[in-house]
Every structure is written in structure tokens, then in C-alpha cells.
Protein backbone atom coordinates (compact mmCIF):
# COMPACT_ATOMS: atom_id res chain seq x y z
CA MET A 1 -53.30 76.55 -23.21
CA ARG A 2 -53.58 77.73 -26.50
CA LEU A 3 -50.31 75.39 -27.82
CA ILE A 4 -51.95 72.51 -26.12
CA THR A 5 -55.20 73.10 -27.97
CA LYS A 6 -53.19 73.77 -31.64
CA LYS A 7 -51.28 70.63 -30.67
CA LEU A 8 -54.03 68.45 -29.97
CA CYS A 9 -56.10 69.22 -33.73
CA TYR A 10 -52.68 68.77 -35.53
CA MET A 11 -52.70 65.18 -33.68
CA LEU A 12 -56.60 64.55 -34.33
CA CYS A 13 -56.01 65.84 -37.94
CA LEU A 14 -52.91 63.31 -38.31
CA TYR A 15 -54.60 60.44 -37.29
CA TRP A 16 -57.53 61.41 -39.68
CA LEU A 17 -55.53 61.71 -42.72
CA MET A 18 -53.56 58.73 -41.79
CA VAL A 19 -56.76 56.47 -41.66
CA ILE A 20 -58.03 58.43 -44.95
CA GLN A 21 -54.81 56.92 -46.34
CA ILE A 22 -54.15 53.48 -44.90
CA ILE A 23 -57.88 52.74 -45.88
CA PHE A 24 -58.51 54.15 -49.42
CA GLU A 25 -55.35 52.80 -50.90
CA SER A 26 -57.51 49.31 -50.92
CA PHE A 27 -59.91 50.80 -52.87
CA PRO A 28 -59.93 52.41 -56.87
CA VAL A 29 -60.60 55.72 -55.82
CA SER A 30 -57.53 57.49 -55.20
CA SER A 31 -56.50 57.61 -51.97
CA SER A 32 -54.53 61.07 -52.54
CA ALA A 33 -57.28 62.94 -53.99
CA HIS A 34 -59.35 61.89 -50.72
CA LEU A 35 -56.39 63.11 -48.67
CA MET A 36 -56.33 66.51 -50.26
CA LEU A 37 -60.24 67.11 -49.77
CA ALA A 38 -60.10 65.85 -46.54
CA GLN A 39 -57.05 68.61 -45.83
CA ILE A 40 -59.15 71.73 -47.63
CA TYR A 41 -62.00 70.57 -45.48
CA LEU A 42 -60.10 70.40 -42.06
CA GLN A 43 -58.53 73.85 -43.27
CA LYS A 44 -61.89 75.55 -43.73
CA TRP A 45 -63.41 74.61 -40.77
CA GLY A 46 -60.80 73.54 -38.16
CA GLU A 47 -57.71 74.66 -37.25
CA ASN A 48 -55.00 75.03 -40.44
CA PHE A 49 -53.53 72.13 -40.48
CA CYS A 50 -50.15 73.49 -42.35
CA ASP A 51 -50.39 76.07 -40.14
CA THR A 52 -49.43 74.73 -36.35
CA GLY A 53 -46.25 74.99 -36.66
CA LEU A 54 -46.56 71.66 -35.26
CA GLY A 55 -46.73 69.32 -38.92
CA PHE A 56 -46.83 68.94 -42.20
CA SER A 57 -49.45 68.49 -44.77
CA PHE A 58 -50.56 65.25 -46.43
CA ASP A 59 -48.03 65.54 -49.34
CA HIS A 60 -44.80 65.54 -46.79
CA PRO A 61 -42.59 62.30 -47.95
CA ILE A 62 -42.91 60.71 -43.82
CA PHE A 63 -46.54 59.71 -45.45
CA TYR A 64 -44.80 57.03 -47.14
CA PHE A 65 -44.29 55.04 -43.57
CA LEU A 66 -48.57 54.84 -43.94
CA HIS A 67 -47.28 52.46 -47.13
CA GLY A 68 -46.16 50.01 -44.27
CA PRO A 69 -49.67 48.60 -43.58
CA THR A 70 -50.74 48.73 -47.16
CA ILE A 71 -47.45 46.10 -47.91
CA LEU A 72 -48.79 44.13 -44.95
CA ILE A 73 -52.12 44.02 -46.51
CA LEU A 74 -50.84 42.69 -49.74
CA LEU A 75 -48.30 40.13 -48.18
CA PHE A 76 -51.30 38.66 -46.11
CA PHE A 77 -53.95 38.70 -49.01
CA PHE A 78 -52.25 37.30 -51.79
CA ALA A 79 -50.05 34.99 -49.64
CA PRO A 80 -51.04 31.46 -51.14
CA ARG A 81 -49.53 33.77 -54.34
CA TRP A 82 -46.35 34.18 -52.70
CA SER A 83 -46.32 30.84 -50.87
CA LEU A 84 -47.03 28.85 -54.31
CA PHE A 85 -43.82 30.14 -56.07
CA LEU A 86 -41.61 30.04 -52.51
CA ARG A 87 -43.35 26.32 -52.33
CA ARG A 88 -42.19 25.90 -56.13
CA PHE A 89 -39.69 27.93 -56.61
CA THR A 90 -37.18 26.25 -58.24
CA LEU A 91 -39.66 24.69 -60.93
CA LEU A 92 -40.80 28.90 -61.36
CA SER A 93 -37.37 30.51 -60.88
CA SER A 94 -37.60 31.27 -64.90
CA CYS A 95 -40.91 32.63 -64.78
CA LEU A 96 -40.04 34.13 -61.87
CA VAL A 97 -36.89 36.40 -63.54
CA ARG A 98 -39.28 37.27 -66.24
CA LEU A 99 -41.96 38.18 -64.33
CA LEU A 100 -39.65 40.88 -62.49
CA PHE A 101 -38.25 41.74 -65.83
CA PHE A 102 -41.61 43.42 -67.12
CA VAL A 103 -42.23 44.61 -63.68
CA LEU A 104 -38.87 46.72 -63.89
CA CYS A 105 -39.79 47.65 -67.15
CA ALA A 106 -43.32 49.13 -65.90
CA ASP A 107 -41.70 50.51 -63.32
CA LEU A 108 -39.04 52.37 -64.89
CA CYS A 109 -42.23 53.58 -67.30
CA THR A 110 -43.66 55.05 -64.12
CA PHE A 111 -40.16 56.62 -62.79
CA PHE A 112 -39.52 58.50 -66.49
CA PHE A 113 -43.24 60.27 -65.52
CA PHE A 114 -42.83 60.87 -62.48
CA ILE A 115 -39.35 62.70 -63.64
CA LEU A 116 -41.29 64.51 -66.21
CA PHE A 117 -43.84 65.79 -64.35
CA HIS A 118 -41.62 67.15 -61.90
CA MET A 119 -39.71 68.78 -64.92
CA LEU A 120 -43.73 70.36 -65.22
CA CYS A 121 -43.98 70.69 -61.49
CA PRO A 122 -46.63 73.83 -62.14
CA VAL A 123 -48.45 71.91 -64.57
CA MET A 124 -48.77 69.11 -62.25
CA LEU A 125 -49.81 71.19 -59.92
CA SER A 126 -52.27 72.63 -61.88
CA PHE A 127 -53.40 69.70 -63.17
CA PRO A 128 -57.52 70.14 -62.06
CA LEU A 129 -58.26 67.44 -59.08
CA VAL A 130 -61.85 67.12 -60.24
CA LEU A 131 -60.54 66.44 -64.12
CA GLY A 132 -58.40 63.07 -62.56
CA LEU A 133 -61.27 61.84 -60.87
CA SER A 134 -63.23 61.96 -63.51
CA ILE A 135 -61.04 60.39 -65.71
CA THR A 136 -60.94 57.71 -62.38
CA ALA A 137 -64.55 57.26 -62.37
CA LEU A 138 -65.06 57.26 -66.36
CA SER A 139 -62.52 54.51 -66.63
CA LEU A 140 -64.16 52.28 -64.03
CA LEU A 141 -67.56 53.15 -65.82
CA SER A 142 -65.77 51.76 -68.72
CA LEU A 143 -65.93 48.21 -67.29
CA TYR A 144 -70.05 48.36 -67.40
CA PHE A 145 -69.47 46.41 -70.05
CA PRO A 146 -66.06 44.39 -69.29
CA PRO A 147 -64.35 42.83 -71.84
CA ASN A 148 -63.96 38.84 -71.60
CA GLY A 149 -60.30 38.56 -70.79
CA THR A 150 -58.66 35.45 -71.10
CA ARG A 151 -54.91 36.76 -70.24
CA ASN A 152 -53.45 36.02 -67.34
CA LYS A 153 -49.68 36.14 -68.16
CA LEU A 154 -47.56 39.77 -68.09
CA ASP A 155 -45.67 40.53 -71.52
CA PHE A 156 -43.12 43.41 -72.21
CA CYS A 157 -45.93 45.86 -74.38
CA SER A 158 -48.59 45.45 -71.73
CA ALA A 159 -46.02 45.83 -68.75
CA LEU A 160 -44.99 49.33 -70.74
CA LEU A 161 -48.41 50.56 -71.08
CA ILE A 162 -49.63 49.46 -67.08
CA GLY A 163 -46.26 51.70 -66.59
CA CYS A 164 -47.56 54.73 -68.27
CA ALA A 165 -50.73 54.10 -66.63
CA GLN A 166 -49.36 54.23 -63.74
CA GLY A 167 -47.14 57.16 -64.32
CA LEU A 168 -50.49 58.97 -65.59
CA ALA A 169 -51.78 57.97 -61.70
CA LEU A 170 -49.15 60.46 -60.27
CA LEU A 171 -51.83 63.77 -61.52
CA PRO A 172 -54.14 64.66 -58.81
CA GLY A 173 -57.11 62.11 -58.91
CA ILE A 174 -56.14 59.77 -60.77
CA SER A 175 -56.38 56.58 -58.93
CA ARG A 176 -53.13 54.44 -59.48
CA PHE A 177 -55.48 51.14 -58.27
CA GLY A 178 -58.19 51.98 -60.52
CA PHE A 179 -56.91 53.18 -63.86
CA THR A 180 -54.06 50.32 -63.81
CA PHE A 181 -56.67 47.52 -63.38
CA VAL A 182 -59.08 49.23 -65.85
CA ILE A 183 -55.71 49.54 -68.59
CA ALA A 184 -55.02 45.62 -67.38
CA ARG A 185 -59.00 44.63 -68.25
CA TRP A 186 -58.85 46.16 -71.86
CA LEU A 187 -55.82 44.61 -72.36
CA LYS A 188 -58.03 41.03 -71.65
CA PHE A 189 -56.33 40.38 -68.67
CA THR A 190 -58.54 37.81 -66.66
CA PRO A 191 -60.29 39.83 -63.40
CA ARG A 192 -57.59 38.02 -60.83
CA ALA A 193 -54.78 38.23 -63.10
CA ALA A 194 -55.23 42.51 -63.78
CA LEU A 195 -56.04 42.95 -60.08
CA GLU A 196 -52.53 41.04 -59.20
CA ILE A 197 -50.88 42.93 -62.28
CA SER A 198 -52.12 46.23 -60.70
CA PHE A 199 -50.60 45.32 -57.43
CA LEU A 200 -47.40 43.72 -58.24
CA VAL A 201 -46.03 46.53 -60.37
CA GLN A 202 -47.12 49.20 -57.35
CA TRP A 203 -45.08 46.81 -54.69
CA PRO A 204 -41.75 47.92 -55.53
CA LEU A 205 -42.64 51.43 -55.22
CA ILE A 206 -44.38 51.48 -51.94
CA VAL A 207 -41.82 49.32 -50.66
CA ALA A 208 -39.09 51.99 -52.20
CA GLY A 209 -41.01 55.09 -50.31
CA PHE A 210 -41.37 52.99 -47.08
CA ILE A 211 -37.60 52.32 -46.54
CA ARG A 212 -37.19 56.15 -47.55
CA ALA A 213 -39.26 57.58 -45.46
CA VAL A 214 -37.92 55.27 -42.45
CA LEU A 215 -34.42 56.07 -43.24
CA LEU A 216 -34.62 59.58 -43.65
CA ASP A 217 -37.60 60.95 -41.36
CA TRP A 218 -37.73 58.30 -38.61
CA PRO A 219 -37.42 60.95 -36.06
CA LEU A 220 -40.82 61.74 -37.22
CA ILE A 221 -42.29 58.74 -38.04
CA GLN A 222 -41.36 58.37 -34.11
CA ALA A 223 -42.37 61.07 -32.61
CA ASN A 224 -45.51 60.87 -34.60
CA PHE A 225 -46.55 57.47 -35.90
CA LEU A 226 -45.10 55.37 -32.82
CA GLN A 227 -46.97 56.17 -30.00
CA THR A 228 -50.02 54.11 -28.59
CA ILE A 229 -52.96 56.06 -29.85
CA PRO A 230 -52.08 56.73 -33.59
CA VAL A 231 -50.62 52.49 -33.75
CA LEU A 232 -54.15 51.52 -32.50
CA PHE A 233 -55.65 54.05 -35.25
CA MET A 234 -53.33 52.12 -38.16
CA LEU A 235 -54.13 49.16 -36.81
CA SER A 236 -57.40 49.54 -37.04
CA ALA A 237 -57.27 51.04 -40.36
CA THR A 238 -55.72 48.12 -41.51
CA VAL A 239 -57.95 46.04 -40.61
CA ILE A 240 -60.79 47.92 -42.37
CA ALA A 241 -58.22 48.36 -45.62
CA PHE A 242 -57.89 44.52 -45.57
CA TYR A 243 -61.63 43.81 -45.53
CA GLY A 244 -62.04 46.89 -48.24
CA LEU A 245 -59.68 45.05 -50.87
CA ARG A 246 -62.11 41.71 -50.04
CA PHE A 247 -64.79 43.75 -51.17
CA VAL A 248 -63.34 45.38 -53.70
CA VAL A 249 -62.84 41.91 -55.09
CA TYR A 250 -66.05 40.89 -54.55
CA MET A 251 -67.33 44.25 -56.94
CA ILE A 252 -64.61 42.95 -59.38
CA ASN A 253 -65.75 38.92 -59.54
CA THR A 254 -69.40 40.30 -59.69
CA LYS A 255 -68.52 41.98 -62.67
CA ARG A 256 -69.80 45.34 -60.34
CA ILE A 257 -66.66 47.59 -60.05
CA TRP A 258 -67.99 50.07 -62.01
CA TRP A 259 -69.83 51.26 -59.15
CA PHE A 260 -67.24 52.61 -57.74
CA ALA A 261 -67.22 55.67 -60.74
CA ILE A 262 -70.98 56.15 -58.76
CA TYR A 263 -69.04 57.05 -55.30
CA LEU A 264 -66.78 59.02 -57.11
CA MET A 265 -69.60 61.29 -57.96
CA LEU A 266 -69.74 62.42 -54.27
CA PRO A 267 -65.72 63.70 -54.37
CA ILE A 268 -66.34 65.10 -57.69
CA MET A 269 -69.24 67.60 -56.55
CA LEU A 270 -67.00 68.35 -53.12
CA CYS A 271 -64.64 70.30 -55.82
CA PHE A 272 -67.16 71.69 -57.43
CA LYS A 273 -68.54 72.33 -53.54
CA ILE A 274 -64.41 74.23 -53.03
CA LYS A 275 -64.29 76.46 -56.24
CA GLU A 276 -67.86 78.01 -54.72
CA TRP A 277 -65.38 79.09 -51.64
């Protein structure tokens, strides 16, 4: 009976973390920070998620599989842009090659930070979550007076800077989406271009993570995610995340993206609450 109870608790915790991962990927508020806080609170008030002997924590590579819904969301959300390239492939082929080169440069910068942080693993692990969330909040708050961006084409220097911003977002609490979007805006990109660039430089990374999870952790994926109930949870979270992204775009278009900095006061306060335990 106790084993059944522990397994049920494990599955509920897994579903909860799974929903958080999928939904908060569409918002500039750091999904990883929300996963960390959720797991800490689950450990505080429920069964210990990490010590049940049945599962793994949110940073297990299997969670890269949950990039799959994000990939689908981005495919559908930016379908008009993808279809434009496909319809005019011959005319835009040179532009596409140039764009892919700049995206590669940005992701190579991100990979450099990934290697650097893993070499300095103790430093990365000791980086305060509250500091990362504060950096995200302050960067979003800087768009209270948004710059008048007119650029819509990525260049080499901008790609390197955005890639570095994406690399810094590997630190706990720094939102990859939020930080790269803000940097792109201050590089004078239009809101639409900044949004597209932010997700475009992320695209190869999440696809690689998804493929890695499928190839190396398929038995775990089948056992934990590809069952009726978790699939329903994933589909529901994917729909919410899609409309969540539309809401974020609305906030960007109405120059209220900085409102998410106010929301981030909540997880920041939760971090201080955790320190009191």
C-alpha cells in the first residue's frame, strides 16, 4: 500500500512539473526557476520527489523530451513565416543561408558558455536563484521605456551578443526568452524581430535536446510520458502554452511586457521564504 501511495505521489509530482515546464516555456519568466521552486515546495509539503526511488528530479535529461510540445507550438505559431520561406525558397535561399549562419554563431556562443559553466560547476550551482530572477525582472523592467527599434535583420555582431545572452541564461533564474528578447530590443530590433530572433536562436538547441532525450532515454519516456493520463496533461498544457504565447505577444505589442517583472516579485519572495526554512 505504501509503495502504491509513493508511486501515486511520484506521478502527481511528475505531472505537475511537466505542466510547469511546458506552459512557462512560453513566458519570459524562467521555466527552470519555476521548476526548481515547485520541486522544493513539493519536497517540503509532500513526499520527497527525489527520494521515492521511483523517479528523478526536474533537471534529469528526460525532461528535454518536454521540449517537444514547445517545438510544435513554435511551428504552429510562426507557421506564416516558415511558409513564406518555403513558398519563396528560390528567391530567399541566400537570405536563409545567411540567417542560419548567424543562428549557428549565436548557438556556438551559447555552447561556449555551456562548456564554461560545466567546467565551473560549483560556481554555477551556487549561483543564487533569487539573483537570476532579479536579473530577469530588471531586464524586463528596462522595457518600461522601450527603445524605438527599426532593425529586422540579424547580423554577425548582434548574433554574438544574443548568443552570449542566451549563454548567460543557463544560470539559474535567468529567463532565456526574456533575456534574449530584451537584449534584442536594446540592439534596436523591432518587437516582432526581437521575438522571432529569440525563439530562432533557441530552436536548434531544443530540437537537439529533444532528439537526445528520444535516442538515449526512450524507455523512461515511454514509462513516464507516453501513457494516457500524461499525454492528456501534455496536450492540455500545450494548448495553454500556445495561447500563453499569444498573450505574451499581445503584451509586447501593447508595450506592457515589463509587467512580467512585477509578476516575478512572487517567485523572488518565495526564494526568500525558502531561506527561512
